[in-house]
Structure formats: C-alpha cells, structure tokens
C-alpha atoms as a PDB file:
ATOM      1  CA  MET A   1       5.196  11.444 -16.701  1.00  0.00           C
ATOM      2  CA  ARG A   2       8.580   9.738 -17.078  1.00  0.00           C
ATOM      3  CA  TRP A   3       8.735   9.252 -13.322  1.00  0.00           C
ATOM      4  CA  ALA A   4       5.533   7.182 -13.281  1.00  0.00           C
ATOM      5  CA  SER A   5       7.044   3.844 -14.325  1.00  0.00           C
ATOM      6  CA  PRO A   6       9.836   3.741 -11.711  1.00  0.00           C
ATOM      7  CA  ALA A   7       7.510   5.180  -9.059  1.00  0.00           C
ATOM      8  CA  TYR A   8       4.924   2.465  -9.554  1.00  0.00           C
ATOM      9  CA  ALA A   9       7.614  -0.200  -9.858  1.00  0.00           C
ATOM     10  CA  ALA A  10       8.785   0.880  -6.395  1.00  0.00           C
ATOM     11  CA  LEU A  11       5.219   0.820  -5.075  1.00  0.00           C
ATOM     12  CA  LEU A  12       4.788  -2.688  -6.494  1.00  0.00           C
ATOM     13  CA  VAL A  13       7.842  -3.857  -4.555  1.00  0.00           C
ATOM     14  CA  LEU A  14       6.360  -2.317  -1.405  1.00  0.00           C
ATOM     15  CA  ALA A  15       3.038  -4.005  -2.164  1.00  0.00           C
ATOM     16  CA  LEU A  16       4.717  -7.407  -2.373  1.00  0.00           C
ATOM     17  CA  ALA A  17       6.364  -6.751   0.996  1.00  0.00           C
ATOM     18  CA  ALA A  18       3.102  -5.478   2.484  1.00  0.00           C
ATOM     19  CA  PHE A  19       1.010  -8.464   1.420  1.00  0.00           C
ATOM     20  CA  TRP A  20       3.666 -11.137   1.898  1.00  0.00           C
ATOM     21  CA  PRO A  21       2.892 -12.231   5.483  1.00  0.00           C
ATOM     22  CA  GLY A  22      -0.887 -11.914   5.243  1.00  0.00           C
ATOM     23  CA  TYR A  23      -1.468 -13.407   1.809  1.00  0.00           C
ATOM     24  CA  LEU A  24       1.464 -14.271  -0.439  1.00  0.00           C
ATOM     25  CA  ALA A  25       3.301 -16.456   2.087  1.00  0.00           C
ATOM     26  CA  LEU A  26       0.197 -18.355   3.206  1.00  0.00           C
ATOM     27  CA  PRO A  27      -1.476 -21.402   1.626  1.00  0.00           C
ATOM     28  CA  LYS A  28      -3.845 -20.064  -1.010  1.00  0.00           C
ATOM     29  CA  SER A  29      -6.487 -22.685  -0.195  1.00  0.00           C
ATOM     30  CA  GLN A  30      -7.456 -20.756   2.932  1.00  0.00           C
ATOM     31  CA  PHE A  31      -8.614 -17.743   0.908  1.00  0.00           C
ATOM     32  CA  SER A  32     -11.752 -17.318  -1.147  1.00  0.00           C
ATOM     33  CA  GLY A  33     -11.707 -16.778  -4.881  1.00  0.00           C
ATOM     34  CA  TRP A  34     -12.378 -13.075  -4.330  1.00  0.00           C
ATOM     35  CA  PHE A  35      -8.963 -12.670  -2.673  1.00  0.00           C
ATOM     36  CA  HIS A  36      -7.226 -14.297  -5.617  1.00  0.00           C
ATOM     37  CA  LEU A  37      -9.186 -12.339  -8.229  1.00  0.00           C
ATOM     38  CA  HIS A  38      -8.417  -9.082  -6.469  1.00  0.00           C
ATOM     39  CA  ALA A  39      -4.724  -9.935  -6.100  1.00  0.00           C
ATOM     40  CA  VAL A  40      -4.352 -10.808  -9.789  1.00  0.00           C
ATOM     41  CA  ALA A  41      -6.332  -7.774 -10.990  1.00  0.00           C
ATOM     42  CA  ALA A  42      -4.416  -5.360  -8.750  1.00  0.00           C
ATOM     43  CA  MET A  43      -1.098  -6.861  -9.863  1.00  0.00           C
ATOM     44  CA  LEU A  44      -2.066  -6.439 -13.519  1.00  0.00           C
ATOM     45  CA  TRP A  45      -3.039  -2.820 -12.856  1.00  0.00           C
ATOM     46  CA  PHE A  46       0.394  -2.224 -11.333  1.00  0.00           C
ATOM     47  CA  PHE A  47       2.002  -3.717 -14.428  1.00  0.00           C
ATOM     48  CA  MET A  48      -0.163  -1.482 -16.621  1.00  0.00           C
ATOM     49  CA  LEU A  49       0.835   1.644 -14.682  1.00  0.00           C
ATOM     50  CA  ILE A  50       4.475   0.665 -15.168  1.00  0.00           C
ATOM     51  CA  ALA A  51       4.215  -0.403 -18.813  1.00  0.00           C
ATOM     52  CA  GLN A  52       2.041   2.367 -20.282  1.00  0.00           C
ATOM     53  CA  PRO A  53       4.309   5.343 -19.505  1.00  0.00           C
ATOM     54  CA  TRP A  54       7.343   3.302 -20.552  1.00  0.00           C
ATOM     55  CA  ALA A  55       5.668   2.354 -23.843  1.00  0.00           C
ATOM     56  CA  ILE A  56       4.733   5.905 -24.773  1.00  0.00           C
ATOM     57  CA  HIS A  57       8.123   7.390 -23.860  1.00  0.00           C
ATOM     58  CA  SER A  58      10.008   4.650 -25.710  1.00  0.00           C
ATOM     59  CA  GLY A  59       8.002   5.245 -28.884  1.00  0.00           C
ATOM     60  CA  ARG A  60       5.973   2.044 -28.665  1.00  0.00           C
ATOM     61  CA  ARG A  61       2.639   3.719 -29.325  1.00  0.00           C
ATOM     62  CA  ALA A  62       0.951   0.565 -30.648  1.00  0.00           C
ATOM     63  CA  LEU A  63       1.796  -1.239 -27.411  1.00  0.00           C
ATOM     64  CA  HIS A  64       0.529   1.742 -25.422  1.00  0.00           C
ATOM     65  CA  ARG A  65      -2.811   1.633 -27.265  1.00  0.00           C
ATOM     66  CA  LEU A  66      -3.059  -2.147 -26.829  1.00  0.00           C
ATOM     67  CA  ILE A  67      -2.553  -1.844 -23.064  1.00  0.00           C
ATOM     68  CA  GLY A  68      -5.092   0.965 -22.990  1.00  0.00           C
ATOM     69  CA  ARG A  69      -7.704  -1.192 -24.716  1.00  0.00           C
ATOM     70  CA  ALA A  70      -6.969  -4.020 -22.282  1.00  0.00           C
ATOM     71  CA  SER A  71      -7.778  -1.652 -19.427  1.00  0.00           C
ATOM     72  CA  TYR A  72     -11.394  -1.539 -20.640  1.00  0.00           C
ATOM     73  CA  VAL A  73     -11.647  -5.127 -19.410  1.00  0.00           C
ATOM     74  CA  LEU A  74      -9.258  -4.939 -16.478  1.00  0.00           C
ATOM     75  CA  MET A  75     -10.840  -1.902 -14.810  1.00  0.00           C
ATOM     76  CA  PRO A  76     -14.319  -3.491 -14.371  1.00  0.00           C
ATOM     77  CA  VAL A  77     -12.690  -6.712 -13.175  1.00  0.00           C
ATOM     78  CA  LEU A  78     -10.686  -4.799 -10.580  1.00  0.00           C
ATOM     79  CA  VAL A  79     -13.772  -2.926  -9.361  1.00  0.00           C
ATOM     80  CA  ILE A  80     -15.796  -6.159  -9.182  1.00  0.00           C
ATOM     81  CA  SER A  81     -12.968  -7.753  -7.197  1.00  0.00           C
ATOM     82  CA  PHE A  82     -13.031  -4.771  -4.784  1.00  0.00           C
ATOM     83  CA  VAL A  83     -16.767  -5.253  -4.263  1.00  0.00           C
ATOM     84  CA  GLY A  84     -16.561  -9.019  -3.919  1.00  0.00           C
ATOM     85  CA  LEU A  85     -13.619  -8.932  -1.529  1.00  0.00           C
ATOM     86  CA  ALA A  86     -15.248  -6.246   0.634  1.00  0.00           C
ATOM     87  CA  HIS A  87     -18.424  -8.310   0.883  1.00  0.00           C
ATOM     88  CA  ASP A  88     -16.484 -11.489   1.578  1.00  0.00           C
ATOM     89  CA  VAL A  89     -14.663 -10.022   4.595  1.00  0.00           C
ATOM     90  CA  MET A  90     -17.759  -8.236   5.929  1.00  0.00           C
ATOM     91  CA  LYS A  91     -20.480 -10.872   5.757  1.00  0.00           C
ATOM     92  CA  GLY A  92     -21.442 -12.491   9.036  1.00  0.00           C
ATOM     93  CA  LYS A  93     -19.660  -9.896  11.169  1.00  0.00           C
ATOM     94  CA  THR A  94     -21.503  -8.525  14.200  1.00  0.00           C
ATOM     95  CA  GLY A  95     -20.849  -6.125  17.075  1.00  0.00           C
ATOM     96  CA  ALA A  96     -17.383  -4.625  17.283  1.00  0.00           C
ATOM     97  CA  GLU A  97     -16.168  -6.604  14.266  1.00  0.00           C
ATOM     98  CA  ALA A  98     -18.985  -5.164  12.145  1.00  0.00           C
ATOM     99  CA  ALA A  99     -18.089  -1.645  13.293  1.00  0.00           C
ATOM    100  CA  VAL A 100     -14.452  -2.154  12.284  1.00  0.00           C
ATOM    101  CA  GLN A 101     -15.537  -3.465   8.898  1.00  0.00           C
ATOM    102  CA  ALA A 102     -17.873  -0.484   8.452  1.00  0.00           C
ATOM    103  CA  TYR A 103     -14.894   1.824   8.958  1.00  0.00           C
ATOM    104  CA  PHE A 104     -12.826  -0.026   6.370  1.00  0.00           C
ATOM    105  CA  PHE A 105     -15.826  -0.202   4.055  1.00  0.00           C
ATOM    106  CA  TYR A 106     -15.850   3.597   3.944  1.00  0.00           C
ATOM    107  CA  ILE A 107     -12.173   3.605   2.971  1.00  0.00           C
ATOM    108  CA  ARG A 108     -12.817   1.060   0.231  1.00  0.00           C
ATOM    109  CA  VAL A 109     -15.794   2.979  -1.122  1.00  0.00           C
ATOM    110  CA  VAL A 110     -14.009   6.329  -1.380  1.00  0.00           C
ATOM    111  CA  LEU A 111     -10.851   4.814  -2.856  1.00  0.00           C
ATOM    112  CA  VAL A 112     -12.826   2.890  -5.470  1.00  0.00           C
ATOM    113  CA  ALA A 113     -14.806   6.055  -6.278  1.00  0.00           C
ATOM    114  CA  ILE A 114     -11.593   8.047  -6.809  1.00  0.00           C
ATOM    115  CA  PHE A 115     -10.065   5.192  -8.817  1.00  0.00           C
ATOM    116  CA  VAL A 116     -13.091   4.933 -11.111  1.00  0.00           C
ATOM    117  CA  GLY A 117     -13.410   8.710 -11.389  1.00  0.00           C
ATOM    118  CA  CYS A 118      -9.783   9.113 -12.457  1.00  0.00           C
ATOM    119  CA  TYR A 119     -10.073   6.267 -14.957  1.00  0.00           C
ATOM    120  CA  VAL A 120     -13.273   7.602 -16.492  1.00  0.00           C
ATOM    121  CA  MET A 121     -11.717  11.073 -16.848  1.00  0.00           C
ATOM    122  CA  ALA A 122      -8.642   9.498 -18.445  1.00  0.00           C
ATOM    123  CA  VAL A 123     -10.805   7.697 -21.001  1.00  0.00           C
ATOM    124  CA  VAL A 124     -12.923  10.794 -21.695  1.00  0.00           C
ATOM    125  CA  ASN A 125      -9.706  12.748 -22.320  1.00  0.00           C
ATOM    126  CA  ARG A 126      -7.856   9.978 -24.159  1.00  0.00           C
ATOM    127  CA  ARG A 127      -7.136  12.309 -27.106  1.00  0.00           C
ATOM    128  CA  ASN A 128      -5.741  14.971 -24.786  1.00  0.00           C
ATOM    129  CA  ALA A 129      -2.417  13.399 -23.829  1.00  0.00           C
ATOM    130  CA  PRO A 130      -1.417  15.708 -20.947  1.00  0.00           C
ATOM    131  CA  VAL A 131      -4.782  15.319 -19.212  1.00  0.00           C
ATOM    132  CA  HIS A 132      -5.164  11.619 -20.058  1.00  0.00           C
ATOM    133  CA  SER A 133      -1.730  10.641 -18.757  1.00  0.00           C
ATOM    134  CA  ARG A 134      -2.170  12.508 -15.471  1.00  0.00           C
ATOM    135  CA  TYR A 135      -5.534  10.958 -14.720  1.00  0.00           C
ATOM    136  CA  MET A 136      -4.197   7.488 -15.520  1.00  0.00           C
ATOM    137  CA  VAL A 137      -1.250   8.021 -13.193  1.00  0.00           C
ATOM    138  CA  CYS A 138      -3.667   9.124 -10.474  1.00  0.00           C
ATOM    139  CA  THR A 139      -5.614   5.842 -10.625  1.00  0.00           C
ATOM    140  CA  GLY A 140      -2.664   4.224  -8.877  1.00  0.00           C
ATOM    141  CA  LEU A 141      -2.886   6.577  -5.914  1.00  0.00           C
ATOM    142  CA  ALA A 142      -5.861   4.549  -4.698  1.00  0.00           C
ATOM    143  CA  LEU A 143      -3.407   1.683  -4.136  1.00  0.00           C
ATOM    144  CA  VAL A 144      -1.216   3.633  -1.730  1.00  0.00           C
ATOM    145  CA  ASP A 145      -3.464   3.255   1.335  1.00  0.00           C
ATOM    146  CA  PRO A 146      -3.672  -0.578   1.445  1.00  0.00           C
ATOM    147  CA  VAL A 147       0.080  -0.882   0.906  1.00  0.00           C
ATOM    148  CA  VAL A 148       1.303   1.811   3.301  1.00  0.00           C
ATOM    149  CA  HIS A 149      -1.287   0.943   5.965  1.00  0.00           C
ATOM    150  CA  ARG A 150      -0.070  -2.641   6.164  1.00  0.00           C
ATOM    151  CA  LEU A 151       3.602  -1.719   6.206  1.00  0.00           C
ATOM    152  CA  ALA A 152       3.097   1.001   8.820  1.00  0.00           C
ATOM    153  CA  SER A 153       1.030  -1.274  11.031  1.00  0.00           C
ATOM    154  CA  ARG A 154       3.725  -3.949  10.890  1.00  0.00           C
ATOM    155  CA  PHE A 155       6.591  -1.587  11.670  1.00  0.00           C
ATOM    156  CA  MET A 156       4.595   0.051  14.466  1.00  0.00           C
ATOM    157  CA  HIS A 157       3.635  -3.368  15.850  1.00  0.00           C
ATOM    158  CA  GLY A 158      -0.064  -2.721  15.362  1.00  0.00           C
ATOM    159  CA  ALA A 159      -0.105   0.499  17.381  1.00  0.00           C
ATOM    160  CA  ASP A 160      -3.606   1.877  17.904  1.00  0.00           C
ATOM    161  CA  ILE A 161      -3.292   5.022  15.789  1.00  0.00           C
ATOM    162  CA  ASN A 162      -5.182   6.556  12.879  1.00  0.00           C
ATOM    163  CA  TYR A 163      -3.214   5.087   9.990  1.00  0.00           C
ATOM    164  CA  GLN A 164      -5.274   7.005   7.430  1.00  0.00           C
ATOM    165  CA  LEU A 165      -3.660  10.228   8.646  1.00  0.00           C
ATOM    166  CA  LEU A 166      -0.467   8.691   7.282  1.00  0.00           C
ATOM    167  CA  THR A 167      -1.805   7.053   4.123  1.00  0.00           C
ATOM    168  CA  PHE A 168      -4.103   9.824   2.914  1.00  0.00           C
ATOM    169  CA  GLY A 169      -1.592  12.409   4.135  1.00  0.00           C
ATOM    170  CA  LEU A 170       1.112  10.773   2.033  1.00  0.00           C
ATOM    171  CA  VAL A 171      -1.079  10.869  -1.086  1.00  0.00           C
ATOM    172  CA  LEU A 172      -1.929  14.521  -0.455  1.00  0.00           C
ATOM    173  CA  ALA A 173       1.768  15.315   0.007  1.00  0.00           C
ATOM    174  CA  ILE A 174       2.615  13.591  -3.288  1.00  0.00           C
ATOM    175  CA  LEU A 175      -0.109  15.516  -5.092  1.00  0.00           C
ATOM    176  CA  ALA A 176       0.967  18.794  -3.471  1.00  0.00           C
ATOM    177  CA  ILE A 177       4.517  18.255  -4.726  1.00  0.00           C
ATOM    178  CA  LEU A 178       3.236  17.468  -8.228  1.00  0.00           C
ATOM    179  CA  ILE A 179       1.041  20.571  -8.198  1.00  0.00           C
ATOM    180  CA  TRP A 180       4.042  22.702  -7.255  1.00  0.00           C
ATOM    181  CA  LEU A 181       6.291  21.086  -9.870  1.00  0.00           C
ATOM    182  CA  GLU A 182       3.664  21.686 -12.556  1.00  0.00           C
ATOM    183  CA  ARG A 183       2.772  25.221 -11.551  1.00  0.00           C
ATOM    184  CA  ASN A 184       4.050  26.515 -14.908  1.00  0.00           C
ATOM    185  CA  ALA A 185       2.806  23.641 -17.078  1.00  0.00           C
ATOM    186  CA  ARG A 186       0.872  24.700 -20.158  1.00  0.00           C
ATOM    187  CA  ALA A 187      -1.439  21.672 -20.327  1.00  0.00           C
ATOM    188  CA  GLY A 188      -2.946  19.227 -17.843  1.00  0.00           C
ATOM    189  CA  ARG A 189      -2.170  21.440 -14.874  1.00  0.00           C
ATOM    190  CA  SER A 190      -5.718  21.207 -13.471  1.00  0.00           C
ATOM    191  CA  VAL A 191      -5.686  17.425 -12.992  1.00  0.00           C
ATOM    192  CA  PHE A 192      -3.619  17.102  -9.829  1.00  0.00           C
ATOM    193  CA  PRO A 193      -5.509  19.852  -7.933  1.00  0.00           C
ATOM    194  CA  LYS A 194      -8.815  18.101  -8.718  1.00  0.00           C
ATOM    195  CA  VAL A 195      -7.520  14.744  -7.489  1.00  0.00           C
ATOM    196  CA  PHE A 196      -6.026  16.479  -4.429  1.00  0.00           C
ATOM    197  CA  ALA A 197      -9.490  17.875  -3.631  1.00  0.00           C
ATOM    198  CA  ALA A 198     -11.040  14.413  -4.029  1.00  0.00           C
ATOM    199  CA  PHE A 199      -8.592  12.804  -1.586  1.00  0.00           C
ATOM    200  CA  LEU A 200      -8.930  15.706   0.838  1.00  0.00           C
ATOM    201  CA  VAL A 201     -12.737  15.516   0.934  1.00  0.00           C
ATOM    202  CA  ALA A 202     -12.669  11.708   1.174  1.00  0.00           C
ATOM    203  CA  GLY A 203     -10.059  11.751   3.927  1.00  0.00           C
ATOM    204  CA  LEU A 204     -11.559  14.434   6.162  1.00  0.00           C
ATOM    205  CA  PRO A 205     -14.108  12.113   7.827  1.00  0.00           C
ATOM    206  CA  LEU A 206     -11.267   9.696   8.598  1.00  0.00           C
ATOM    207  CA  ALA A 207      -9.059  12.457   9.981  1.00  0.00           C
ATOM    208  CA  LEU A 208     -11.955  13.758  12.095  1.00  0.00           C
ATOM    209  CA  ASP A 209     -12.824  10.295  13.487  1.00  0.00           C
ATOM    210  CA  PHE A 210     -16.219   9.982  11.863  1.00  0.00           C
ATOM    211  CA  HIS A 211     -16.850   6.815  13.872  1.00  0.00           C
ATOM    212  CA  THR A 212     -17.535   9.178  16.802  1.00  0.00           C
ATOM    213  CA  TRP A 213     -20.087  11.332  14.962  1.00  0.00           C
ATOM    214  CA  GLY A 214     -23.196   9.696  16.398  1.00  0.00           C
ATOM    215  CA  ALA A 215     -26.120   9.609  13.954  1.00  0.00           C
ATOM    216  CA  PRO A 216     -24.005   9.806  10.748  1.00  0.00           C
ATOM    217  CA  TRP A 217     -21.879   6.899  11.965  1.00  0.00           C
ATOM    218  CA  VAL A 218     -24.979   4.878  12.895  1.00  0.00           C
ATOM    219  CA  LEU A 219     -26.357   5.525   9.406  1.00  0.00           C
ATOM    220  CA  TRP A 220     -23.107   4.446   7.771  1.00  0.00           C
ATOM    221  CA  LYS A 221     -23.010   1.266   9.859  1.00  0.00           C
ATOM    222  CA  SER A 222     -26.527   0.550   8.642  1.00  0.00           C
ATOM    223  CA  VAL A 223     -25.427   1.021   5.037  1.00  0.00           C
ATOM    224  CA  SER A 224     -22.430  -1.241   5.660  1.00  0.00           C
ATOM    225  CA  ALA A 225     -24.610  -3.919   7.279  1.00  0.00           C
ATOM    226  CA  GLY A 226     -27.004  -3.765   4.351  1.00  0.00           C
ATOM    227  CA  PHE A 227     -24.134  -4.338   1.920  1.00  0.00           C
ATOM    228  CA  ALA A 228     -22.773  -7.200   4.006  1.00  0.00           C
ATOM    229  CA  ALA A 229     -26.223  -8.840   3.985  1.00  0.00           C
ATOM    230  CA  LEU A 230     -26.491  -8.840   0.192  1.00  0.00           C
ATOM    231  CA  PRO A 231     -26.717 -12.356  -1.277  1.00  0.00           C
ATOM    232  CA  LEU A 232     -23.481 -12.109  -3.212  1.00  0.00           C
ATOM    233  CA  PRO A 233     -21.451 -15.260  -3.953  1.00  0.00           C
END
C-alpha cells in the first residue's frame, strides 16, 4: 500500500479546498462544538492514513504500532462527532428542510457503517498485514463523498443533480481499479471486493432516487425525525 500515503495526502488537500469557504474561512464562533470536534477528528484521521503506511514502509514499526493504538481512541471520537454533527444540523428542521436532512442522514449512516466496518475488520485482522492494511486504507474511502460532493457542487454552481452518482461512483471506480491491479495477489485479495459490495449496496438507493419510493421513504423520514428529536447536547 505504498500509494496510500500520497493518495490520502492529495485527498487532504482537496478536503481543505472543499471545506474552506463553508467552514475554514469563516469565524469559528458561528459553529457549534460538534463542528469543531468533527473537523479535528477527521483531520487527525487523515494524518493517520498518511502516517501509518509511511511508517511501516520506512521501517518505523514502533511508530506504526503507536499510531494504531491511538486509533482506538480516535475512531470512537470520530464516530461520536459524526453522530453529534448530524444531530446538530438536523434538529428543529421541518417540511422540505427535514426531507433534505433525511436524505443526507442516510448518506451519513451508510458511510459511518462502512467506516466502522472496515476499521473493525482491520483490528480483527491486525496480525494479518495484507488484510489489515487494506481494510485500514478503505476506512478513508468514507471521506471521499463529503469532499468530492462539495467540490463538485461548487464547480457546477450548485446544479440540481444527483451528486452521489459521482461520489459513490468514484469510490466504486477506485475499488474496481484496485481489484483489477490485485487480481494476482496472494494475500488480502478479498478485501477490496467486499468493500466494493458494501459501497454498491449502500449507494443503490441513492442512485435509484429512494426519496421517491413512497412508503420506504416515509419510514426513513420518520427514523430521521426520531433521531433529530433525541435530547442530545
């Protein structure tokens, strides 16, 4: 996974550009603590995805293990920040605004589920380096959608299109390329197909406009409203 460090360094640069006008360039006093916690946790995860592959390939195994142990704390913090931020932007919304937030809530839920699933599998397989490294690399794929969605929306001047066809499609394309490149690999070859299947299943409702599905969409909006009504800080 020598390509992982430069790839995630590039994605970090894109993330800074994506979040500059809507967060980084604005006075921080106008945002809740959940925004700041999420920003710091996500930034640290980027740094981890850059540093861990570099550490292992440069022979700094002690540093690699130290970063890995730190992830036991960082991962729950990042998930909590996802939950808190989602609730913060959803609470009090009604009508059309609530429907929009329900749509984005689905995206957040499936991305967090894939993120946690990949991390858990990486930890379970921590003594199997080929499998462990691939699952850890895949945790960062959950960060592609929020970055690419914002950049695409800006460059397309907010055009009313299904941006998840682009974001999830990009992730699937990346995974498809990795699957092809590793078609003759002796170990860890099953990881990318499994993650590909997870993104495909999660993305199908978005590609098929599940907000037009009638009863299932009404049920999901009810679930979203119930989450938004929780008495979280």
